[in-house]
Amino acid sequence: MTDLPTDHLSITQHSVTIDGQTISYTATAGTLILKEEVEKSDGQRASEGAQPKASLFFVAYVRNDLPESAQSQRPHL
């Protein structure tokens, strides 16, 4: 029997100097497993089942020295 895939995260701390300003940031790379949806007995869908359906890879970079309120906002284009 093979093991079911699981979520994996790799979190590292870094800094870069740009135009004399040092910026510290956290880099997170990971794989999220998306699972099947299952119906409850009342016909409503549950959040997730046990069987994996897809694997999603992502990378995120978050600047460390910003106030928490600024980190929760999406960038403006």
Protein backbone atom coordinates (compact mmCIF):
# COMPACT_ATOMS: atom_id res chain seq x y z
CA MET A 1 0.00 0.00 0.00
CA THR A 2 1.42 3.42 -0.91
CA ASP A 3 1.31 6.36 1.48
CA LEU A 4 -1.00 9.22 0.56
CA PRO A 5 0.80 12.47 -0.34
CA THR A 6 0.90 15.15 2.35
CA ASP A 7 1.41 18.91 2.49
CA HIS A 8 5.06 20.01 2.77
CA LEU A 9 6.49 23.43 3.68
CA SER A 10 10.03 24.77 3.65
CA ILE A 11 10.43 28.11 5.46
CA THR A 12 13.71 30.04 5.39
CA GLN A 13 14.86 33.50 6.53
CA HIS A 14 16.90 35.79 4.25
CA SER A 15 18.00 39.39 3.72
CA VAL A 16 19.01 41.39 0.67
CA THR A 17 20.60 44.82 0.36
CA ILE A 18 19.16 47.06 -2.35
CA ASP A 19 20.49 50.60 -2.82
CA GLY A 20 22.08 50.42 0.65
CA GLN A 21 18.86 49.36 2.40
CA THR A 22 18.81 45.89 3.97
CA ILE A 23 15.46 44.12 3.68
CA SER A 24 14.82 40.94 5.66
CA TYR A 25 12.20 38.50 4.41
CA THR A 26 10.80 35.02 4.87
CA ALA A 27 10.63 32.68 1.89
CA THR A 28 8.12 29.83 2.00
CA ALA A 29 7.98 27.10 -0.63
CA GLY A 30 5.55 24.28 -0.36
CA THR A 31 3.19 21.74 -1.79
CA LEU A 32 -0.48 21.67 -0.86
CA ILE A 33 -2.56 18.59 -1.54
CA LEU A 34 -6.10 19.29 -2.75
CA LYS A 35 -8.54 16.57 -1.75
CA GLU A 36 -11.85 15.31 -3.04
CA GLU A 37 -15.08 16.84 -1.80
CA VAL A 38 -17.47 14.52 -0.03
CA GLU A 39 -21.17 14.94 0.52
CA LYS A 40 -22.56 14.75 4.01
CA SER A 41 -25.63 12.62 4.67
CA ASP A 42 -27.83 15.76 4.46
CA GLY A 43 -26.59 16.49 0.92
CA GLN A 44 -24.23 19.32 1.92
CA ARG A 45 -20.58 19.17 0.88
CA ALA A 46 -17.90 18.62 3.51
CA SER A 47 -14.68 20.62 3.32
CA GLU A 48 -12.52 17.73 2.12
CA GLY A 49 -12.33 13.98 1.86
CA ALA A 50 -9.40 11.65 2.26
CA GLN A 51 -8.41 11.02 -1.34
CA PRO A 52 -5.92 13.45 -2.97
CA LYS A 53 -7.02 14.95 -6.29
CA ALA A 54 -4.21 17.42 -7.12
CA SER A 55 -0.92 18.80 -5.87
CA LEU A 56 -0.29 22.57 -5.89
CA PHE A 57 3.23 24.02 -5.59
CA PHE A 58 3.74 27.61 -4.39
CA VAL A 59 6.44 30.09 -3.36
CA ALA A 60 5.77 33.14 -1.17
CA TYR A 61 8.07 35.97 -0.11
CA VAL A 62 7.03 38.09 2.90
CA ARG A 63 8.93 41.15 4.07
CA ASN A 64 9.61 40.84 7.82
CA ASP A 65 9.92 44.47 8.92
CA LEU A 66 6.43 45.71 7.98
CA PRO A 67 3.62 46.19 10.50
CA GLU A 68 1.23 43.24 10.58
CA SER A 69 -1.61 45.33 9.12
CA ALA A 70 0.50 46.06 6.00
CA GLN A 71 1.39 42.38 5.52
CA SER A 72 -2.25 41.31 5.36
CA GLN A 73 -3.05 43.61 2.42
CA ARG A 74 -2.70 42.52 -1.18
CA PRO A 75 -0.43 44.57 -3.40
CA HIS A 76 -2.05 47.16 -5.68
CA LEU A 77 -1.38 47.06 -9.41
